[in-house]
């Protein structure tokens, strides 16, 4: 496990907070597919995720235009629709501009 290696700010973060209703095998397959697909999108900078009762995933992007293209990706839209119909009880997406970052590593 490691933190995303992001460039010097500014850049953008898409914060996806969710509560799952259903955690079937199809969800795991789709999550892996979206992870692999996001990594090859123009403007993608990195990804971090954590899950307990509340899931939080943060993807990092170089621009708002890159985020919009990812949101519009046909395969990503399929995943979004399945999330709404099958996997999530609720979710929220927030988009933020990262102005500063601080880090520590042992």
PDB file of N, CA and C in Angstrom:
ATOM      1  N   UNK A   1       0.855  -1.165   0.000  1.00  0.00           N
ATOM      2  CA  UNK A   1       0.000   0.000   0.000  1.00  0.00           C
ATOM      3  C   UNK A   1       0.906   1.235   0.000  1.00  0.00           C
ATOM      4  N   UNK A   2       0.547   2.207  -0.827  1.00  0.00           N
ATOM      5  CA  UNK A   2       1.311   3.449  -0.852  1.00  0.00           C
ATOM      6  C   UNK A   2       0.390   4.611  -1.225  1.00  0.00           C
ATOM      7  N   UNK A   3       0.855   5.787  -0.919  1.00  0.00           N
ATOM      8  CA  UNK A   3       0.108   6.988  -1.277  1.00  0.00           C
ATOM      9  C   UNK A   3       0.403   7.352  -2.729  1.00  0.00           C
ATOM     10  N   UNK A   4      -0.547   8.012  -3.371  1.00  0.00           N
ATOM     11  CA  UNK A   4      -0.356   8.438  -4.756  1.00  0.00           C
ATOM     12  C   UNK A   4       0.816   9.402  -4.842  1.00  0.00           C
ATOM     13  N   UNK A   5       1.613   9.232  -5.856  1.00  0.00           N
ATOM     14  CA  UNK A   5       2.754  10.109  -6.102  1.00  0.00           C
ATOM     15  C   UNK A   5       2.292  11.242  -7.021  1.00  0.00           C
ATOM     16  N   UNK A   6       1.781  12.291  -6.440  1.00  0.00           N
ATOM     17  CA  UNK A   6       1.228  13.407  -7.198  1.00  0.00           C
ATOM     18  C   UNK A   6       2.296  14.468  -7.468  1.00  0.00           C
ATOM     19  N   UNK A   7       2.087  15.269  -8.517  1.00  0.00           N
ATOM     20  CA  UNK A   7       3.046  16.335  -8.831  1.00  0.00           C
ATOM     21  C   UNK A   7       2.867  17.515  -7.873  1.00  0.00           C
ATOM     22  N   UNK A   8       3.690  18.506  -8.033  1.00  0.00           N
ATOM     23  CA  UNK A   8       3.511  19.730  -7.267  1.00  0.00           C
ATOM     24  C   UNK A   8       2.165  20.347  -7.634  1.00  0.00           C
ATOM     25  N   UNK A   9       1.427  20.869  -6.646  1.00  0.00           N
ATOM     26  CA  UNK A   9       0.152  21.524  -6.932  1.00  0.00           C
ATOM     27  C   UNK A   9       0.376  22.765  -7.799  1.00  0.00           C
ATOM     28  N   UNK A  10      -0.662  23.212  -8.449  1.00  0.00           N
ATOM     29  CA  UNK A  10      -2.065  22.796  -8.307  1.00  0.00           C
ATOM     30  C   UNK A  10      -2.415  21.602  -9.197  1.00  0.00           C
ATOM     31  N   UNK A  11      -3.361  20.839  -8.720  1.00  0.00           N
ATOM     32  CA  UNK A  11      -4.000  19.764  -9.457  1.00  0.00           C
ATOM     33  C   UNK A  11      -5.361  19.547  -8.792  1.00  0.00           C
ATOM     34  N   UNK A  12      -6.125  18.592  -9.265  1.00  0.00           N
ATOM     35  CA  UNK A  12      -7.491  18.404  -8.769  1.00  0.00           C
ATOM     36  C   UNK A  12      -7.663  17.033  -8.127  1.00  0.00           C
ATOM     37  N   UNK A  13      -8.545  16.975  -7.142  1.00  0.00           N
ATOM     38  CA  UNK A  13      -8.893  15.727  -6.470  1.00  0.00           C
ATOM     39  C   UNK A  13     -10.396  15.492  -6.612  1.00  0.00           C
ATOM     40  N   UNK A  14     -10.745  14.281  -7.003  1.00  0.00           N
ATOM     41  CA  UNK A  14     -12.140  13.846  -7.014  1.00  0.00           C
ATOM     42  C   UNK A  14     -12.297  12.906  -5.823  1.00  0.00           C
ATOM     43  N   UNK A  15     -13.116  13.312  -4.871  1.00  0.00           N
ATOM     44  CA  UNK A  15     -13.308  12.563  -3.632  1.00  0.00           C
ATOM     45  C   UNK A  15     -14.663  11.867  -3.711  1.00  0.00           C
ATOM     46  N   UNK A  16     -14.616  10.552  -3.704  1.00  0.00           N
ATOM     47  CA  UNK A  16     -15.821   9.735  -3.818  1.00  0.00           C
ATOM     48  C   UNK A  16     -16.038   9.029  -2.483  1.00  0.00           C
ATOM     49  N   UNK A  17     -17.053   9.465  -1.744  1.00  0.00           N
ATOM     50  CA  UNK A  17     -17.412   8.867  -0.458  1.00  0.00           C
ATOM     51  C   UNK A  17     -18.665   8.027  -0.658  1.00  0.00           C
ATOM     52  N   UNK A  18     -18.649   6.799  -0.112  1.00  0.00           N
ATOM     53  CA  UNK A  18     -19.783   5.919  -0.390  1.00  0.00           C
ATOM     54  C   UNK A  18     -20.086   4.988   0.775  1.00  0.00           C
ATOM     55  N   UNK A  19     -21.342   4.561   0.789  1.00  0.00           N
ATOM     56  CA  UNK A  19     -21.799   3.503   1.680  1.00  0.00           C
ATOM     57  C   UNK A  19     -22.384   2.430   0.770  1.00  0.00           C
ATOM     58  N   UNK A  20     -21.820   1.252   0.827  1.00  0.00           N
ATOM     59  CA  UNK A  20     -22.265   0.178  -0.052  1.00  0.00           C
ATOM     60  C   UNK A  20     -23.484  -0.523   0.500  1.00  0.00           C
ATOM     61  N   UNK A  21     -24.326  -0.915  -0.431  1.00  0.00           N
ATOM     62  CA  UNK A  21     -25.512  -1.699  -0.095  1.00  0.00           C
ATOM     63  C   UNK A  21     -25.248  -3.165  -0.379  1.00  0.00           C
ATOM     64  N   UNK A  22     -24.409  -3.410  -1.373  1.00  0.00           N
ATOM     65  CA  UNK A  22     -24.169  -4.767  -1.841  1.00  0.00           C
ATOM     66  C   UNK A  22     -22.706  -4.877  -2.251  1.00  0.00           C
ATOM     67  N   UNK A  23     -22.034  -5.919  -1.805  1.00  0.00           N
ATOM     68  CA  UNK A  23     -20.620  -6.119  -2.106  1.00  0.00           C
ATOM     69  C   UNK A  23     -20.443  -7.479  -2.761  1.00  0.00           C
ATOM     70  N   UNK A  24     -20.950  -7.627  -3.961  1.00  0.00           N
ATOM     71  CA  UNK A  24     -20.842  -8.912  -4.630  1.00  0.00           C
ATOM     72  C   UNK A  24     -19.571  -8.985  -5.475  1.00  0.00           C
ATOM     73  N   UNK A  25     -19.339 -10.128  -6.063  1.00  0.00           N
ATOM     74  CA  UNK A  25     -18.146 -10.348  -6.875  1.00  0.00           C
ATOM     75  C   UNK A  25     -18.126  -9.405  -8.073  1.00  0.00           C
ATOM     76  N   UNK A  26     -19.278  -9.122  -8.647  1.00  0.00           N
ATOM     77  CA  UNK A  26     -19.351  -8.222  -9.803  1.00  0.00           C
ATOM     78  C   UNK A  26     -18.826  -6.836  -9.444  1.00  0.00           C
ATOM     79  N   UNK A  27     -19.067  -6.391  -8.206  1.00  0.00           N
ATOM     80  CA  UNK A  27     -18.547  -5.097  -7.767  1.00  0.00           C
ATOM     81  C   UNK A  27     -17.019  -5.110  -7.781  1.00  0.00           C
ATOM     82  N   UNK A  28     -16.432  -6.160  -7.233  1.00  0.00           N
ATOM     83  CA  UNK A  28     -14.970  -6.265  -7.177  1.00  0.00           C
ATOM     84  C   UNK A  28     -14.362  -6.286  -8.583  1.00  0.00           C
ATOM     85  N   UNK A  29     -14.990  -6.990  -9.486  1.00  0.00           N
ATOM     86  CA  UNK A  29     -14.522  -7.064 -10.873  1.00  0.00           C
ATOM     87  C   UNK A  29     -14.587  -5.679 -11.516  1.00  0.00           C
ATOM     88  N   UNK A  30     -15.715  -4.991 -11.321  1.00  0.00           N
ATOM     89  CA  UNK A  30     -15.879  -3.668 -11.913  1.00  0.00           C
ATOM     90  C   UNK A  30     -14.902  -2.667 -11.297  1.00  0.00           C
ATOM     91  N   UNK A  31     -14.692  -2.728  -9.990  1.00  0.00           N
ATOM     92  CA  UNK A  31     -13.760  -1.811  -9.330  1.00  0.00           C
ATOM     93  C   UNK A  31     -12.353  -1.982  -9.890  1.00  0.00           C
ATOM     94  N   UNK A  32     -11.926  -3.205 -10.096  1.00  0.00           N
ATOM     95  CA  UNK A  32     -10.597  -3.471 -10.667  1.00  0.00           C
ATOM     96  C   UNK A  32     -10.517  -2.931 -12.096  1.00  0.00           C
ATOM     97  N   UNK A  33     -11.574  -3.147 -12.863  1.00  0.00           N
ATOM     98  CA  UNK A  33     -11.608  -2.664 -14.250  1.00  0.00           C
ATOM     99  C   UNK A  33     -11.522  -1.131 -14.284  1.00  0.00           C
ATOM    100  N   UNK A  34     -12.266  -0.459 -13.390  1.00  0.00           N
ATOM    101  CA  UNK A  34     -12.240   1.011 -13.362  1.00  0.00           C
ATOM    102  C   UNK A  34     -10.874   1.533 -12.925  1.00  0.00           C
ATOM    103  N   UNK A  35     -10.241   0.848 -11.988  1.00  0.00           N
ATOM    104  CA  UNK A  35      -8.900   1.235 -11.544  1.00  0.00           C
ATOM    105  C   UNK A  35      -7.924   1.172 -12.716  1.00  0.00           C
ATOM    106  N   UNK A  36      -7.941   0.072 -13.454  1.00  0.00           N
ATOM    107  CA  UNK A  36      -7.046  -0.092 -14.601  1.00  0.00           C
ATOM    108  C   UNK A  36      -7.356   0.910 -15.706  1.00  0.00           C
ATOM    109  N   UNK A  37      -8.630   1.160 -15.952  1.00  0.00           N
ATOM    110  CA  UNK A  37      -9.033   2.092 -17.007  1.00  0.00           C
ATOM    111  C   UNK A  37      -8.678   3.533 -16.649  1.00  0.00           C
ATOM    112  N   UNK A  38      -8.900   3.920 -15.405  1.00  0.00           N
ATOM    113  CA  UNK A  38      -8.584   5.286 -14.975  1.00  0.00           C
ATOM    114  C   UNK A  38      -7.103   5.582 -15.162  1.00  0.00           C
ATOM    115  N   UNK A  39      -6.260   4.613 -14.860  1.00  0.00           N
ATOM    116  CA  UNK A  39      -4.806   4.809 -14.935  1.00  0.00           C
ATOM    117  C   UNK A  39      -4.312   5.166 -16.331  1.00  0.00           C
ATOM    118  N   UNK A  40      -5.058   4.802 -17.361  1.00  0.00           N
ATOM    119  CA  UNK A  40      -4.613   5.099 -18.732  1.00  0.00           C
ATOM    120  C   UNK A  40      -5.323   6.319 -19.328  1.00  0.00           C
ATOM    121  N   UNK A  41      -6.145   6.998 -18.540  1.00  0.00           N
ATOM    122  CA  UNK A  41      -6.846   8.188 -19.020  1.00  0.00           C
ATOM    123  C   UNK A  41      -5.899   9.376 -19.045  1.00  0.00           C
ATOM    124  N   UNK A  42      -5.975  10.200 -20.090  1.00  0.00           N
ATOM    125  CA  UNK A  42      -5.161  11.419 -20.112  1.00  0.00           C
ATOM    126  C   UNK A  42      -5.479  12.292 -18.903  1.00  0.00           C
ATOM    127  N   UNK A  43      -4.441  12.773 -18.239  1.00  0.00           N
ATOM    128  CA  UNK A  43      -4.627  13.652 -17.093  1.00  0.00           C
ATOM    129  C   UNK A  43      -4.699  12.962 -15.751  1.00  0.00           C
ATOM    130  N   UNK A  44      -4.765  11.626 -15.718  1.00  0.00           N
ATOM    131  CA  UNK A  44      -4.807  10.886 -14.459  1.00  0.00           C
ATOM    132  C   UNK A  44      -3.461  10.993 -13.768  1.00  0.00           C
ATOM    133  N   UNK A  45      -3.484  11.293 -12.455  1.00  0.00           N
ATOM    134  CA  UNK A  45      -2.249  11.463 -11.693  1.00  0.00           C
ATOM    135  C   UNK A  45      -2.052  10.410 -10.600  1.00  0.00           C
ATOM    136  N   UNK A  46      -3.130   9.829 -10.090  1.00  0.00           N
ATOM    137  CA  UNK A  46      -2.995   8.852  -9.027  1.00  0.00           C
ATOM    138  C   UNK A  46      -4.319   8.550  -8.366  1.00  0.00           C
ATOM    139  N   UNK A  47      -4.280   7.586  -7.409  1.00  0.00           N
ATOM    140  CA  UNK A  47      -5.505   7.098  -6.786  1.00  0.00           C
ATOM    141  C   UNK A  47      -5.184   6.562  -5.396  1.00  0.00           C
ATOM    142  N   UNK A  48      -6.081   6.818  -4.453  1.00  0.00           N
ATOM    143  CA  UNK A  48      -5.991   6.280  -3.092  1.00  0.00           C
ATOM    144  C   UNK A  48      -7.390   5.882  -2.649  1.00  0.00           C
ATOM    145  N   UNK A  49      -7.470   4.802  -1.872  1.00  0.00           N
ATOM    146  CA  UNK A  49      -8.781   4.369  -1.415  1.00  0.00           C
ATOM    147  C   UNK A  49      -8.685   3.692  -0.049  1.00  0.00           C
ATOM    148  N   UNK A  50      -9.750   3.807   0.711  1.00  0.00           N
ATOM    149  CA  UNK A  50      -9.861   3.149   2.009  1.00  0.00           C
ATOM    150  C   UNK A  50     -11.327   2.771   2.211  1.00  0.00           C
ATOM    151  N   UNK A  51     -11.545   1.610   2.833  1.00  0.00           N
ATOM    152  CA  UNK A  51     -12.914   1.168   3.040  1.00  0.00           C
ATOM    153  C   UNK A  51     -13.054   0.485   4.380  1.00  0.00           C
ATOM    154  N   UNK A  52     -14.080   0.901   5.069  1.00  0.00           N
ATOM    155  CA  UNK A  52     -14.553   0.205   6.258  1.00  0.00           C
ATOM    156  C   UNK A  52     -16.063   0.241   6.087  1.00  0.00           C
ATOM    157  N   UNK A  53     -16.799   0.819   6.993  1.00  0.00           N
ATOM    158  CA  UNK A  53     -18.236   1.017   6.773  1.00  0.00           C
ATOM    159  C   UNK A  53     -18.464   2.123   5.759  1.00  0.00           C
ATOM    160  N   UNK A  54     -17.569   3.101   5.780  1.00  0.00           N
ATOM    161  CA  UNK A  54     -17.595   4.217   4.834  1.00  0.00           C
ATOM    162  C   UNK A  54     -16.414   4.062   3.897  1.00  0.00           C
ATOM    163  N   UNK A  55     -16.661   4.110   2.607  1.00  0.00           N
ATOM    164  CA  UNK A  55     -15.574   4.042   1.636  1.00  0.00           C
ATOM    165  C   UNK A  55     -15.218   5.439   1.170  1.00  0.00           C
ATOM    166  N   UNK A  56     -13.929   5.688   1.046  1.00  0.00           N
ATOM    167  CA  UNK A  56     -13.461   6.961   0.514  1.00  0.00           C
ATOM    168  C   UNK A  56     -12.384   6.660  -0.521  1.00  0.00           C
ATOM    169  N   UNK A  57     -12.615   7.122  -1.733  1.00  0.00           N
ATOM    170  CA  UNK A  57     -11.645   6.975  -2.812  1.00  0.00           C
ATOM    171  C   UNK A  57     -11.343   8.357  -3.353  1.00  0.00           C
ATOM    172  N   UNK A  58     -10.066   8.624  -3.571  1.00  0.00           N
ATOM    173  CA  UNK A  58      -9.657   9.919  -4.099  1.00  0.00           C
ATOM    174  C   UNK A  58      -8.826   9.666  -5.345  1.00  0.00           C
ATOM    175  N   UNK A  59      -9.261  10.250  -6.453  1.00  0.00           N
ATOM    176  CA  UNK A  59      -8.448  10.207  -7.668  1.00  0.00           C
ATOM    177  C   UNK A  59      -7.936  11.617  -7.940  1.00  0.00           C
ATOM    178  N   UNK A  60      -6.740  11.682  -8.496  1.00  0.00           N
ATOM    179  CA  UNK A  60      -6.077  12.965  -8.738  1.00  0.00           C
ATOM    180  C   UNK A  60      -5.931  13.179 -10.233  1.00  0.00           C
ATOM    181  N   UNK A  61      -6.199  14.425 -10.654  1.00  0.00           N
ATOM    182  CA  UNK A  61      -6.241  14.754 -12.075  1.00  0.00           C
ATOM    183  C   UNK A  61      -5.545  16.087 -12.330  1.00  0.00           C
ATOM    184  N   UNK A  62      -5.066  16.251 -13.561  1.00  0.00           N
ATOM    185  CA  UNK A  62      -4.354  17.482 -13.897  1.00  0.00           C
ATOM    186  C   UNK A  62      -5.262  18.654 -14.237  1.00  0.00           C
ATOM    187  N   UNK A  63      -6.536  18.373 -14.536  1.00  0.00           N
ATOM    188  CA  UNK A  63      -7.434  19.469 -14.939  1.00  0.00           C
ATOM    189  C   UNK A  63      -8.897  19.062 -14.770  1.00  0.00           C
ATOM    190  N   UNK A  64      -9.755  20.066 -14.761  1.00  0.00           N
ATOM    191  CA  UNK A  64     -11.199  19.804 -14.729  1.00  0.00           C
ATOM    192  C   UNK A  64     -11.651  19.123 -16.016  1.00  0.00           C
ATOM    193  N   UNK A  65     -11.011  19.463 -17.137  1.00  0.00           N
ATOM    194  CA  UNK A  65     -11.364  18.841 -18.416  1.00  0.00           C
ATOM    195  C   UNK A  65     -11.078  17.333 -18.377  1.00  0.00           C
ATOM    196  N   UNK A  66      -9.968  16.928 -17.771  1.00  0.00           N
ATOM    197  CA  UNK A  66      -9.641  15.502 -17.648  1.00  0.00           C
ATOM    198  C   UNK A  66     -10.674  14.778 -16.785  1.00  0.00           C
ATOM    199  N   UNK A  67     -11.104  15.431 -15.730  1.00  0.00           N
ATOM    200  CA  UNK A  67     -12.134  14.842 -14.855  1.00  0.00           C
ATOM    201  C   UNK A  67     -13.431  14.648 -15.635  1.00  0.00           C
ATOM    202  N   UNK A  68     -13.822  15.641 -16.413  1.00  0.00           N
ATOM    203  CA  UNK A  68     -15.059  15.545 -17.195  1.00  0.00           C
ATOM    204  C   UNK A  68     -14.976  14.430 -18.230  1.00  0.00           C
ATOM    205  N   UNK A  69     -13.822  14.291 -18.871  1.00  0.00           N
ATOM    206  CA  UNK A  69     -13.662  13.207 -19.855  1.00  0.00           C
ATOM    207  C   UNK A  69     -13.778  11.844 -19.176  1.00  0.00           C
ATOM    208  N   UNK A  70     -13.208  11.706 -17.984  1.00  0.00           N
ATOM    209  CA  UNK A  70     -13.314  10.453 -17.257  1.00  0.00           C
ATOM    210  C   UNK A  70     -14.764  10.181 -16.867  1.00  0.00           C
ATOM    211  N   UNK A  71     -15.463  11.193 -16.392  1.00  0.00           N
ATOM    212  CA  UNK A  71     -16.870  11.032 -16.019  1.00  0.00           C
ATOM    213  C   UNK A  71     -17.706  10.593 -17.226  1.00  0.00           C
ATOM    214  N   UNK A  72     -17.328  11.068 -18.413  1.00  0.00           N
ATOM    215  CA  UNK A  72     -18.075  10.772 -19.636  1.00  0.00           C
ATOM    216  C   UNK A  72     -17.664   9.467 -20.307  1.00  0.00           C
ATOM    217  N   UNK A  73     -16.613   8.827 -19.842  1.00  0.00           N
ATOM    218  CA  UNK A  73     -16.147   7.582 -20.432  1.00  0.00           C
ATOM    219  C   UNK A  73     -17.283   6.552 -20.393  1.00  0.00           C
ATOM    220  N   UNK A  74     -17.522   5.877 -21.501  1.00  0.00           N
ATOM    221  CA  UNK A  74     -18.653   4.943 -21.625  1.00  0.00           C
ATOM    222  C   UNK A  74     -18.581   3.823 -20.585  1.00  0.00           C
ATOM    223  N   UNK A  75     -17.414   3.228 -20.402  1.00  0.00           N
ATOM    224  CA  UNK A  75     -17.277   2.154 -19.422  1.00  0.00           C
ATOM    225  C   UNK A  75     -17.469   2.679 -18.001  1.00  0.00           C
ATOM    226  N   UNK A  76     -16.984   3.881 -17.742  1.00  0.00           N
ATOM    227  CA  UNK A  76     -17.159   4.483 -16.424  1.00  0.00           C
ATOM    228  C   UNK A  76     -18.641   4.791 -16.175  1.00  0.00           C
ATOM    229  N   UNK A  77     -19.349   5.239 -17.207  1.00  0.00           N
ATOM    230  CA  UNK A  77     -20.780   5.489 -17.063  1.00  0.00           C
ATOM    231  C   UNK A  77     -21.534   4.204 -16.748  1.00  0.00           C
ATOM    232  N   UNK A  78     -21.115   3.099 -17.355  1.00  0.00           N
ATOM    233  CA  UNK A  78     -21.731   1.803 -17.050  1.00  0.00           C
ATOM    234  C   UNK A  78     -21.527   1.467 -15.565  1.00  0.00           C
ATOM    235  N   UNK A  79     -20.322   1.685 -15.065  1.00  0.00           N
ATOM    236  CA  UNK A  79     -20.038   1.426 -13.652  1.00  0.00           C
ATOM    237  C   UNK A  79     -20.864   2.338 -12.750  1.00  0.00           C
ATOM    238  N   UNK A  80     -20.998   3.606 -13.146  1.00  0.00           N
ATOM    239  CA  UNK A  80     -21.801   4.542 -12.363  1.00  0.00           C
ATOM    240  C   UNK A  80     -23.255   4.066 -12.279  1.00  0.00           C
ATOM    241  N   UNK A  81     -23.792   3.630 -13.385  1.00  0.00           N
ATOM    242  CA  UNK A  81     -25.185   3.169 -13.416  1.00  0.00           C
ATOM    243  C   UNK A  81     -25.377   1.912 -12.570  1.00  0.00           C
ATOM    244  N   UNK A  82     -24.430   0.972 -12.639  1.00  0.00           N
ATOM    245  CA  UNK A  82     -24.515  -0.235 -11.810  1.00  0.00           C
ATOM    246  C   UNK A  82     -24.390   0.129 -10.329  1.00  0.00           C
ATOM    247  N   UNK A  83     -23.553   1.110 -10.036  1.00  0.00           N
ATOM    248  CA  UNK A  83     -23.409   1.561  -8.655  1.00  0.00           C
ATOM    249  C   UNK A  83     -24.725   2.071  -8.103  1.00  0.00           C
ATOM    250  N   UNK A  84     -25.416   2.867  -8.892  1.00  0.00           N
ATOM    251  CA  UNK A  84     -26.705   3.419  -8.464  1.00  0.00           C
ATOM    252  C   UNK A  84     -27.763   2.324  -8.309  1.00  0.00           C
ATOM    253  N   UNK A  85     -27.786   1.381  -9.240  1.00  0.00           N
ATOM    254  CA  UNK A  85     -28.850   0.373  -9.217  1.00  0.00           C
ATOM    255  C   UNK A  85     -28.556  -0.801  -8.273  1.00  0.00           C
ATOM    256  N   UNK A  86     -27.267  -1.141  -8.091  1.00  0.00           N
ATOM    257  CA  UNK A  86     -26.962  -2.393  -7.390  1.00  0.00           C
ATOM    258  C   UNK A  86     -26.066  -2.270  -6.155  1.00  0.00           C
ATOM    259  N   UNK A  87     -25.097  -1.366  -6.146  1.00  0.00           N
ATOM    260  CA  UNK A  87     -24.030  -1.470  -5.159  1.00  0.00           C
ATOM    261  C   UNK A  87     -24.039  -0.430  -4.046  1.00  0.00           C
ATOM    262  N   UNK A  88     -24.540   0.759  -4.305  1.00  0.00           N
ATOM    263  CA  UNK A  88     -24.423   1.819  -3.307  1.00  0.00           C
ATOM    264  C   UNK A  88     -25.755   2.160  -2.656  1.00  0.00           C
ATOM    265  N   UNK A  89     -25.698   2.310  -1.347  1.00  0.00           N
ATOM    266  CA  UNK A  89     -26.838   2.837  -0.601  1.00  0.00           C
ATOM    267  C   UNK A  89     -26.854   4.354  -0.768  1.00  0.00           C
ATOM    268  N   UNK A  90     -25.668   4.947  -0.717  1.00  0.00           N
ATOM    269  CA  UNK A  90     -25.530   6.389  -0.967  1.00  0.00           C
ATOM    270  C   UNK A  90     -24.086   6.693  -1.318  1.00  0.00           C
ATOM    271  N   UNK A  91     -23.901   7.804  -2.016  1.00  0.00           N
ATOM    272  CA  UNK A  91     -22.547   8.280  -2.305  1.00  0.00           C
ATOM    273  C   UNK A  91     -22.573   9.778  -2.549  1.00  0.00           C
ATOM    274  N   UNK A  92     -21.404  10.348  -2.467  1.00  0.00           N
ATOM    275  CA  UNK A  92     -21.244  11.764  -2.738  1.00  0.00           C
ATOM    276  C   UNK A  92     -19.905  11.940  -3.445  1.00  0.00           C
ATOM    277  N   UNK A  93     -19.896  12.798  -4.461  1.00  0.00           N
ATOM    278  CA  UNK A  93     -18.681  13.125  -5.192  1.00  0.00           C
ATOM    279  C   UNK A  93     -18.369  14.592  -4.957  1.00  0.00           C
ATOM    280  N   UNK A  94     -17.126  14.853  -4.590  1.00  0.00           N
ATOM    281  CA  UNK A  94     -16.668  16.229  -4.394  1.00  0.00           C
ATOM    282  C   UNK A  94     -15.424  16.424  -5.245  1.00  0.00           C
ATOM    283  N   UNK A  95     -15.330  17.584  -5.860  1.00  0.00           N
ATOM    284  CA  UNK A  95     -14.164  17.920  -6.675  1.00  0.00           C
ATOM    285  C   UNK A  95     -13.504  19.139  -6.053  1.00  0.00           C
ATOM    286  N   UNK A  96     -12.199  19.010  -5.807  1.00  0.00           N
ATOM    287  CA  UNK A  96     -11.477  20.087  -5.134  1.00  0.00           C
ATOM    288  C   UNK A  96     -10.166  20.374  -5.865  1.00  0.00           C
ATOM    289  N   UNK A  97      -9.774  21.621  -5.837  1.00  0.00           N
ATOM    290  CA  UNK A  97      -8.471  22.007  -6.368  1.00  0.00           C
ATOM    291  C   UNK A  97      -7.459  21.933  -5.227  1.00  0.00           C
ATOM    292  N   UNK A  98      -6.398  21.187  -5.434  1.00  0.00           N
ATOM    293  CA  UNK A  98      -5.341  21.062  -4.429  1.00  0.00           C
ATOM    294  C   UNK A  98      -4.362  22.217  -4.642  1.00  0.00           C
ATOM    295  N   UNK A  99      -4.253  23.044  -3.632  1.00  0.00           N
ATOM    296  CA  UNK A  99      -3.371  24.211  -3.695  1.00  0.00           C
ATOM    297  C   UNK A  99      -2.019  23.937  -3.052  1.00  0.00           C
ATOM    298  N   UNK A 100      -2.032  23.115  -2.011  1.00  0.00           N
ATOM    299  CA  UNK A 100      -0.808  22.774  -1.281  1.00  0.00           C
ATOM    300  C   UNK A 100      -0.862  21.323  -0.883  1.00  0.00           C
ATOM    301  N   UNK A 101       0.333  20.770  -0.683  1.00  0.00           N
ATOM    302  CA  UNK A 101       0.407  19.438  -0.101  1.00  0.00           C
ATOM    303  C   UNK A 101       1.625  19.366   0.800  1.00  0.00           C
ATOM    304  N   UNK A 102       1.503  18.576   1.826  1.00  0.00           N
ATOM    305  CA  UNK A 102       2.583  18.340   2.766  1.00  0.00           C
ATOM    306  C   UNK A 102       2.736  16.837   2.876  1.00  0.00           C
ATOM    307  N   UNK A 103       3.938  16.380   3.090  1.00  0.00           N
ATOM    308  CA  UNK A 103       4.106  14.928   3.183  1.00  0.00           C
ATOM    309  C   UNK A 103       5.141  14.565   4.248  1.00  0.00           C
ATOM    310  N   UNK A 104       5.064  13.318   4.671  1.00  0.00           N
ATOM    311  CA  UNK A 104       5.993  12.741   5.628  1.00  0.00           C
ATOM    312  C   UNK A 104       6.146  11.274   5.257  1.00  0.00           C
ATOM    313  N   UNK A 105       7.348  10.779   5.327  1.00  0.00           N
ATOM    314  CA  UNK A 105       7.583   9.365   5.063  1.00  0.00           C
ATOM    315  C   UNK A 105       8.786   8.908   5.861  1.00  0.00           C
ATOM    316  N   UNK A 106       8.658   7.780   6.520  1.00  0.00           N
ATOM    317  CA  UNK A 106       9.788   7.186   7.272  1.00  0.00           C
ATOM    318  C   UNK A 106      10.629   6.351   6.359  1.00  0.00           C
TER     319      UNK A 106
END
